[in-house]
Amino acid sequence: MTYRLAIFDFDGTLADSFPFFLSVFNTIADRHGFRRIDIEKSAHLRHYNTRQMMEHVGMPAWKLPAASRTFMAMMKESAGSIALFDGVAEALRHLAERGVLITVVSSNSEHNVRTVLGPELSALVRQFECGMSIFGKASRIRAVLKRCGVAAGEAICIGDQGTDAEASRKAGVAFGAVHWGYAAIEALRTAGCDVEFFTPSELRRIADL
């Protein structure tokens, strides 16, 4: 299968933002009235899907948009300290050189995504679809397909959470699961994935799949 379009999630897929997420989680929890987590014992949370995580901390769905806005605002203040995973920049350049269209669909803000990517890599991105609910990615993926003029069967969505797998399935595109993101790979296999990427450098393989 030859993929003409790569649709990337951002946090935990391109950007190593999980440490920042943990560092601000309890502040956000206090502000929006859900339970704190024990940061020192947070590794097991990688095996929770998003809904299980929300249930674990007692966050009702109606609080998610406000909590997400707080996270994005806090990240905006610290975006300069958040790095891409090693190998991501080279992989994006390789895909662009091979003619693969690069897009980003993220619940994070476009400002934060562009800041962390930097001007050079941002210029390689054909389209940004940002700021939606983590449960609302499927419609954004469909919008990307339409605007890029690419059939669903010629696209692959790459992400690190079960919600990415779910959105990919709803939009009819293949899902590539990364081993280095927020969710454990076992959880992503349960959610369903077509391809696995063991290291960020392996994202270069998208051009050859």
C-alpha atoms as a PDB file:
ATOM      1  CA  MET A   1       0.000   0.000   0.000  1.00  0.00           C
ATOM      2  CA  THR A   2       1.337   3.419  -0.943  1.00  0.00           C
ATOM      3  CA  TYR A   3       0.268   6.260   1.347  1.00  0.00           C
ATOM      4  CA  ARG A   4       0.036   9.717  -0.213  1.00  0.00           C
ATOM      5  CA  LEU A   5      -1.049  11.405   3.018  1.00  0.00           C
ATOM      6  CA  ALA A   6       0.268  11.132   6.586  1.00  0.00           C
ATOM      7  CA  ILE A   7      -2.040  12.547   9.273  1.00  0.00           C
ATOM      8  CA  PHE A   8      -0.126  13.061  12.500  1.00  0.00           C
ATOM      9  CA  ASP A   9      -1.321  13.464  16.033  1.00  0.00           C
ATOM     10  CA  PHE A  10       0.949  15.854  17.924  1.00  0.00           C
ATOM     11  CA  ASP A  11       1.285  15.328  21.685  1.00  0.00           C
ATOM     12  CA  GLY A  12       3.039  12.042  22.392  1.00  0.00           C
ATOM     13  CA  THR A  13       3.494  11.355  18.681  1.00  0.00           C
ATOM     14  CA  LEU A  14       5.641  14.201  17.370  1.00  0.00           C
ATOM     15  CA  ALA A  15       6.211  16.142  20.596  1.00  0.00           C
ATOM     16  CA  ASP A  16       7.598  14.764  23.846  1.00  0.00           C
ATOM     17  CA  SER A  17       5.021  16.566  25.967  1.00  0.00           C
ATOM     18  CA  PHE A  18       4.033  13.818  28.414  1.00  0.00           C
ATOM     19  CA  PRO A  19       6.464  15.051  31.117  1.00  0.00           C
ATOM     20  CA  PHE A  20       4.896  18.513  30.814  1.00  0.00           C
ATOM     21  CA  PHE A  21       1.408  16.983  30.963  1.00  0.00           C
ATOM     22  CA  LEU A  22       2.296  15.234  34.221  1.00  0.00           C
ATOM     23  CA  SER A  23       3.890  18.364  35.659  1.00  0.00           C
ATOM     24  CA  VAL A  24       0.708  20.420  35.233  1.00  0.00           C
ATOM     25  CA  PHE A  25      -1.958  17.740  35.696  1.00  0.00           C
ATOM     26  CA  ASN A  26      -2.569  18.307  39.399  1.00  0.00           C
ATOM     27  CA  THR A  27      -2.724  22.072  38.956  1.00  0.00           C
ATOM     28  CA  ILE A  28      -5.412  21.568  36.317  1.00  0.00           C
ATOM     29  CA  ALA A  29      -7.184  19.037  38.554  1.00  0.00           C
ATOM     30  CA  ASP A  30      -7.301  21.526  41.429  1.00  0.00           C
ATOM     31  CA  ARG A  31      -8.570  24.291  39.157  1.00  0.00           C
ATOM     32  CA  HIS A  32     -11.358  22.219  37.609  1.00  0.00           C
ATOM     33  CA  GLY A  33     -12.343  20.053  40.540  1.00  0.00           C
ATOM     34  CA  PHE A  34     -11.270  16.515  39.755  1.00  0.00           C
ATOM     35  CA  ARG A  35      -8.912  14.153  41.544  1.00  0.00           C
ATOM     36  CA  ARG A  36      -5.150  14.529  41.603  1.00  0.00           C
ATOM     37  CA  ILE A  37      -2.814  11.712  40.559  1.00  0.00           C
ATOM     38  CA  ASP A  38       0.320  10.410  42.234  1.00  0.00           C
ATOM     39  CA  ILE A  39       2.965  11.493  39.735  1.00  0.00           C
ATOM     40  CA  GLU A  40       5.477   8.993  41.136  1.00  0.00           C
ATOM     41  CA  LYS A  41       3.075   6.140  40.399  1.00  0.00           C
ATOM     42  CA  SER A  42       1.717   7.362  37.086  1.00  0.00           C
ATOM     43  CA  ALA A  43       3.222   4.699  34.797  1.00  0.00           C
ATOM     44  CA  HIS A  44       0.117   2.497  35.055  1.00  0.00           C
ATOM     45  CA  LEU A  45      -2.006   5.312  33.630  1.00  0.00           C
ATOM     46  CA  ARG A  46      -0.480   4.638  30.207  1.00  0.00           C
ATOM     47  CA  HIS A  47      -2.618   1.488  30.118  1.00  0.00           C
ATOM     48  CA  TYR A  48      -5.850   3.469  30.551  1.00  0.00           C
ATOM     49  CA  ASN A  49      -7.770   4.720  27.568  1.00  0.00           C
ATOM     50  CA  THR A  50      -9.046   8.308  27.692  1.00  0.00           C
ATOM     51  CA  ARG A  51     -12.462   7.422  29.074  1.00  0.00           C
ATOM     52  CA  GLN A  52     -10.922   5.182  31.756  1.00  0.00           C
ATOM     53  CA  MET A  53      -8.518   7.970  32.705  1.00  0.00           C
ATOM     54  CA  MET A  54     -11.394  10.444  33.035  1.00  0.00           C
ATOM     55  CA  GLU A  55     -13.286   7.985  35.206  1.00  0.00           C
ATOM     56  CA  HIS A  56     -10.164   7.339  37.316  1.00  0.00           C
ATOM     57  CA  VAL A  57      -9.822  11.024  38.230  1.00  0.00           C
ATOM     58  CA  GLY A  58     -13.551  11.715  38.415  1.00  0.00           C
ATOM     59  CA  MET A  59     -13.686  14.095  35.469  1.00  0.00           C
ATOM     60  CA  PRO A  60     -17.135  14.309  33.849  1.00  0.00           C
ATOM     61  CA  ALA A  61     -17.146  14.829  30.094  1.00  0.00           C
ATOM     62  CA  TRP A  62     -18.540  18.349  30.416  1.00  0.00           C
ATOM     63  CA  LYS A  63     -15.360  19.468  32.216  1.00  0.00           C
ATOM     64  CA  LEU A  64     -13.035  18.233  29.467  1.00  0.00           C
ATOM     65  CA  PRO A  65     -13.224  21.315  27.170  1.00  0.00           C
ATOM     66  CA  ALA A  66     -12.358  23.744  29.980  1.00  0.00           C
ATOM     67  CA  ALA A  67      -9.570  21.505  31.300  1.00  0.00           C
ATOM     68  CA  SER A  68      -8.176  21.204  27.773  1.00  0.00           C
ATOM     69  CA  ARG A  69      -8.169  24.979  27.333  1.00  0.00           C
ATOM     70  CA  THR A  70      -6.253  25.346  30.595  1.00  0.00           C
ATOM     71  CA  PHE A  71      -3.705  22.770  29.444  1.00  0.00           C
ATOM     72  CA  MET A  72      -3.215  24.569  26.120  1.00  0.00           C
ATOM     73  CA  ALA A  73      -2.790  27.927  27.845  1.00  0.00           C
ATOM     74  CA  MET A  74      -0.214  26.500  30.254  1.00  0.00           C
ATOM     75  CA  MET A  75       1.610  24.814  27.390  1.00  0.00           C
ATOM     76  CA  LYS A  76       1.675  28.082  25.450  1.00  0.00           C
ATOM     77  CA  GLU A  77       3.721  29.576  28.280  1.00  0.00           C
ATOM     78  CA  SER A  78       6.183  26.664  28.218  1.00  0.00           C
ATOM     79  CA  ALA A  79       6.153  25.608  24.554  1.00  0.00           C
ATOM     80  CA  GLY A  80       9.761  26.675  24.103  1.00  0.00           C
ATOM     81  CA  SER A  81      10.859  24.000  26.566  1.00  0.00           C
ATOM     82  CA  ILE A  82       9.010  21.133  24.860  1.00  0.00           C
ATOM     83  CA  ALA A  83      10.988  19.207  22.274  1.00  0.00           C
ATOM     84  CA  LEU A  84      10.165  16.930  19.396  1.00  0.00           C
ATOM     85  CA  PHE A  85      11.141  13.311  19.833  1.00  0.00           C
ATOM     86  CA  ASP A  86      14.584  12.520  18.468  1.00  0.00           C
ATOM     87  CA  GLY A  87      14.241  11.501  14.836  1.00  0.00           C
ATOM     88  CA  VAL A  88      10.917  13.248  14.182  1.00  0.00           C
ATOM     89  CA  ALA A  89      12.369  16.232  12.323  1.00  0.00           C
ATOM     90  CA  GLU A  90      14.428  14.017  10.024  1.00  0.00           C
ATOM     91  CA  ALA A  91      11.433  11.764   9.385  1.00  0.00           C
ATOM     92  CA  LEU A  92       9.191  14.694   8.421  1.00  0.00           C
ATOM     93  CA  ARG A  93      11.833  16.036   6.048  1.00  0.00           C
ATOM     94  CA  HIS A  94      12.217  12.580   4.485  1.00  0.00           C
ATOM     95  CA  LEU A  95       8.474  12.201   3.944  1.00  0.00           C
ATOM     96  CA  ALA A  96       8.219  15.658   2.376  1.00  0.00           C
ATOM     97  CA  GLU A  97      11.116  14.904   0.066  1.00  0.00           C
ATOM     98  CA  ARG A  98       9.409  11.675  -1.017  1.00  0.00           C
ATOM     99  CA  GLY A  99       6.210  13.542  -1.866  1.00  0.00           C
ATOM    100  CA  VAL A 100       4.082  12.382   1.066  1.00  0.00           C
ATOM    101  CA  LEU A 101       1.603  15.066   2.150  1.00  0.00           C
ATOM    102  CA  ILE A 102       2.011  15.905   5.841  1.00  0.00           C
ATOM    103  CA  THR A 103      -0.869  17.120   7.999  1.00  0.00           C
ATOM    104  CA  VAL A 104      -1.437  17.493  11.735  1.00  0.00           C
ATOM    105  CA  VAL A 105      -4.737  16.776  13.490  1.00  0.00           C
ATOM    106  CA  SER A 106      -4.427  17.621  17.166  1.00  0.00           C
ATOM    107  CA  SER A 107      -6.598  18.590  20.106  1.00  0.00           C
ATOM    108  CA  ASN A 108      -3.796  21.000  21.029  1.00  0.00           C
ATOM    109  CA  SER A 109      -3.792  24.540  19.651  1.00  0.00           C
ATOM    110  CA  GLU A 110      -2.264  25.368  16.288  1.00  0.00           C
ATOM    111  CA  HIS A 111      -0.116  27.998  18.002  1.00  0.00           C
ATOM    112  CA  ASN A 112       1.431  25.400  20.322  1.00  0.00           C
ATOM    113  CA  VAL A 113       1.936  22.910  17.504  1.00  0.00           C
ATOM    114  CA  ARG A 114       3.641  25.474  15.276  1.00  0.00           C
ATOM    115  CA  THR A 115       5.804  26.753  18.131  1.00  0.00           C
ATOM    116  CA  VAL A 116       7.176  23.326  18.976  1.00  0.00           C
ATOM    117  CA  LEU A 117       7.640  22.330  15.330  1.00  0.00           C
ATOM    118  CA  GLY A 118       9.377  25.595  14.490  1.00  0.00           C
ATOM    119  CA  PRO A 119       9.125  27.535  11.195  1.00  0.00           C
ATOM    120  CA  GLU A 120      10.989  25.055   8.988  1.00  0.00           C
ATOM    121  CA  LEU A 121       8.978  21.966   9.900  1.00  0.00           C
ATOM    122  CA  SER A 122       5.701  23.894  10.104  1.00  0.00           C
ATOM    123  CA  ALA A 123       6.252  24.875   6.472  1.00  0.00           C
ATOM    124  CA  LEU A 124       6.246  21.172   5.551  1.00  0.00           C
ATOM    125  CA  VAL A 125       2.755  20.709   6.979  1.00  0.00           C
ATOM    126  CA  ARG A 126       0.087  20.960   4.299  1.00  0.00           C
ATOM    127  CA  GLN A 127      -2.755  21.469   6.741  1.00  0.00           C
ATOM    128  CA  PHE A 128      -3.299  21.984  10.476  1.00  0.00           C
ATOM    129  CA  GLU A 129      -6.577  20.861  12.060  1.00  0.00           C
ATOM    130  CA  CYS A 130      -6.251  21.777  15.724  1.00  0.00           C
ATOM    131  CA  GLY A 131      -8.166  22.594  18.874  1.00  0.00           C
ATOM    132  CA  MET A 132     -10.962  20.030  18.643  1.00  0.00           C
ATOM    133  CA  SER A 133     -12.124  17.646  21.373  1.00  0.00           C
ATOM    134  CA  ILE A 134     -10.039  14.489  21.617  1.00  0.00           C
ATOM    135  CA  PHE A 135     -13.280  12.675  20.763  1.00  0.00           C
ATOM    136  CA  GLY A 136     -13.887  14.817  17.672  1.00  0.00           C
ATOM    137  CA  LYS A 137     -10.963  13.902  15.447  1.00  0.00           C
ATOM    138  CA  ALA A 138     -12.832  11.741  12.931  1.00  0.00           C
ATOM    139  CA  SER A 139     -14.620  14.697  11.317  1.00  0.00           C
ATOM    140  CA  ARG A 140     -11.335  16.618  11.142  1.00  0.00           C
ATOM    141  CA  ILE A 141      -9.621  13.666   9.470  1.00  0.00           C
ATOM    142  CA  ARG A 142     -12.399  13.578   6.880  1.00  0.00           C
ATOM    143  CA  ALA A 143     -11.942  17.315   6.327  1.00  0.00           C
ATOM    144  CA  VAL A 144      -8.213  16.808   5.752  1.00  0.00           C
ATOM    145  CA  LEU A 145      -8.892  14.068   3.211  1.00  0.00           C
ATOM    146  CA  LYS A 146     -11.323  16.289   1.318  1.00  0.00           C
ATOM    147  CA  ARG A 147      -9.094  19.359   1.276  1.00  0.00           C
ATOM    148  CA  CYS A 148      -6.041  17.362   0.229  1.00  0.00           C
ATOM    149  CA  GLY A 149      -7.989  15.482  -2.422  1.00  0.00           C
ATOM    150  CA  VAL A 150      -6.825  12.108  -1.116  1.00  0.00           C
ATOM    151  CA  ALA A 151      -8.939   8.969  -0.788  1.00  0.00           C
ATOM    152  CA  ALA A 152      -9.206   7.393   2.663  1.00  0.00           C
ATOM    153  CA  GLY A 153      -7.415   4.287   1.439  1.00  0.00           C
ATOM    154  CA  GLU A 154      -4.373   6.382   0.515  1.00  0.00           C
ATOM    155  CA  ALA A 155      -3.980   7.936   3.964  1.00  0.00           C
ATOM    156  CA  ILE A 156      -2.614   6.819   7.308  1.00  0.00           C
ATOM    157  CA  CYS A 157      -3.192   8.426  10.690  1.00  0.00           C
ATOM    158  CA  ILE A 158      -0.329   8.131  13.186  1.00  0.00           C
ATOM    159  CA  GLY A 159      -1.028   8.525  16.871  1.00  0.00           C
ATOM    160  CA  ASP A 160      -0.423   7.400  20.414  1.00  0.00           C
ATOM    161  CA  GLN A 161      -3.877   7.053  21.957  1.00  0.00           C
ATOM    162  CA  GLY A 162      -6.939   4.874  21.586  1.00  0.00           C
ATOM    163  CA  THR A 163      -8.958   7.915  20.537  1.00  0.00           C
ATOM    164  CA  ASP A 164      -6.646   8.242  17.514  1.00  0.00           C
ATOM    165  CA  ALA A 165      -7.336   4.623  16.576  1.00  0.00           C
ATOM    166  CA  GLU A 166     -11.063   5.157  17.028  1.00  0.00           C
ATOM    167  CA  ALA A 167     -11.084   8.310  14.896  1.00  0.00           C
ATOM    168  CA  SER A 168      -9.065   6.600  12.166  1.00  0.00           C
ATOM    169  CA  ARG A 169     -11.491   3.712  12.053  1.00  0.00           C
ATOM    170  CA  LYS A 170     -14.500   6.041  11.828  1.00  0.00           C
ATOM    171  CA  ALA A 171     -12.849   7.992   8.996  1.00  0.00           C
ATOM    172  CA  GLY A 172     -11.886   4.819   7.140  1.00  0.00           C
ATOM    173  CA  VAL A 173      -8.116   5.375   7.207  1.00  0.00           C
ATOM    174  CA  ALA A 174      -5.318   3.112   8.392  1.00  0.00           C
ATOM    175  CA  PHE A 175      -3.936   3.678  11.891  1.00  0.00           C
ATOM    176  CA  GLY A 176      -0.244   3.601  12.760  1.00  0.00           C
ATOM    177  CA  ALA A 177       0.515   3.211  16.471  1.00  0.00           C
ATOM    178  CA  VAL A 178       3.696   4.604  18.007  1.00  0.00           C
ATOM    179  CA  HIS A 179       5.557   2.869  20.824  1.00  0.00           C
ATOM    180  CA  TRP A 180       6.823   6.021  22.540  1.00  0.00           C
ATOM    181  CA  GLY A 181       3.652   8.006  23.279  1.00  0.00           C
ATOM    182  CA  TYR A 182       1.190   8.553  26.099  1.00  0.00           C
ATOM    183  CA  ALA A 183      -0.518   5.166  25.798  1.00  0.00           C
ATOM    184  CA  ALA A 184       1.222   1.817  26.133  1.00  0.00           C
ATOM    185  CA  ILE A 185       1.472  -0.119  22.894  1.00  0.00           C
ATOM    186  CA  GLU A 186      -0.573  -2.948  24.421  1.00  0.00           C
ATOM    187  CA  ALA A 187      -3.469  -0.527  24.832  1.00  0.00           C
ATOM    188  CA  LEU A 188      -3.125   0.612  21.227  1.00  0.00           C
ATOM    189  CA  ARG A 189      -3.100  -2.968  19.990  1.00  0.00           C
ATOM    190  CA  THR A 190      -6.338  -3.533  21.869  1.00  0.00           C
ATOM    191  CA  ALA A 191      -7.789  -0.421  20.227  1.00  0.00           C
ATOM    192  CA  GLY A 192      -6.655  -1.746  16.838  1.00  0.00           C
ATOM    193  CA  CYS A 193      -3.706  -0.697  14.709  1.00  0.00           C
ATOM    194  CA  ASP A 194      -2.566  -1.532  11.190  1.00  0.00           C
ATOM    195  CA  VAL A 195       1.097  -0.565  11.531  1.00  0.00           C
ATOM    196  CA  GLU A 196       3.447  -0.127  14.492  1.00  0.00           C
ATOM    197  CA  PHE A 197       6.370   2.265  14.679  1.00  0.00           C
ATOM    198  CA  PHE A 198       9.006   1.309  17.244  1.00  0.00           C
ATOM    199  CA  THR A 199      11.059   4.517  17.101  1.00  0.00           C
ATOM    200  CA  PRO A 200      10.401   8.037  15.767  1.00  0.00           C
ATOM    201  CA  SER A 201      12.972   7.466  13.030  1.00  0.00           C
ATOM    202  CA  GLU A 202      10.792   4.634  11.716  1.00  0.00           C
ATOM    203  CA  LEU A 203       8.182   7.186  10.664  1.00  0.00           C
ATOM    204  CA  ARG A 204      10.299   7.485   7.535  1.00  0.00           C
ATOM    205  CA  ARG A 205       8.842   4.085   6.543  1.00  0.00           C
ATOM    206  CA  ILE A 206       5.514   5.706   5.760  1.00  0.00           C
ATOM    207  CA  ALA A 207       6.935   6.667   2.377  1.00  0.00           C
ATOM    208  CA  ASP A 208       7.690   3.019   1.625  1.00  0.00           C
ATOM    209  CA  LEU A 209       4.650   1.226   3.025  1.00  0.00           C
END
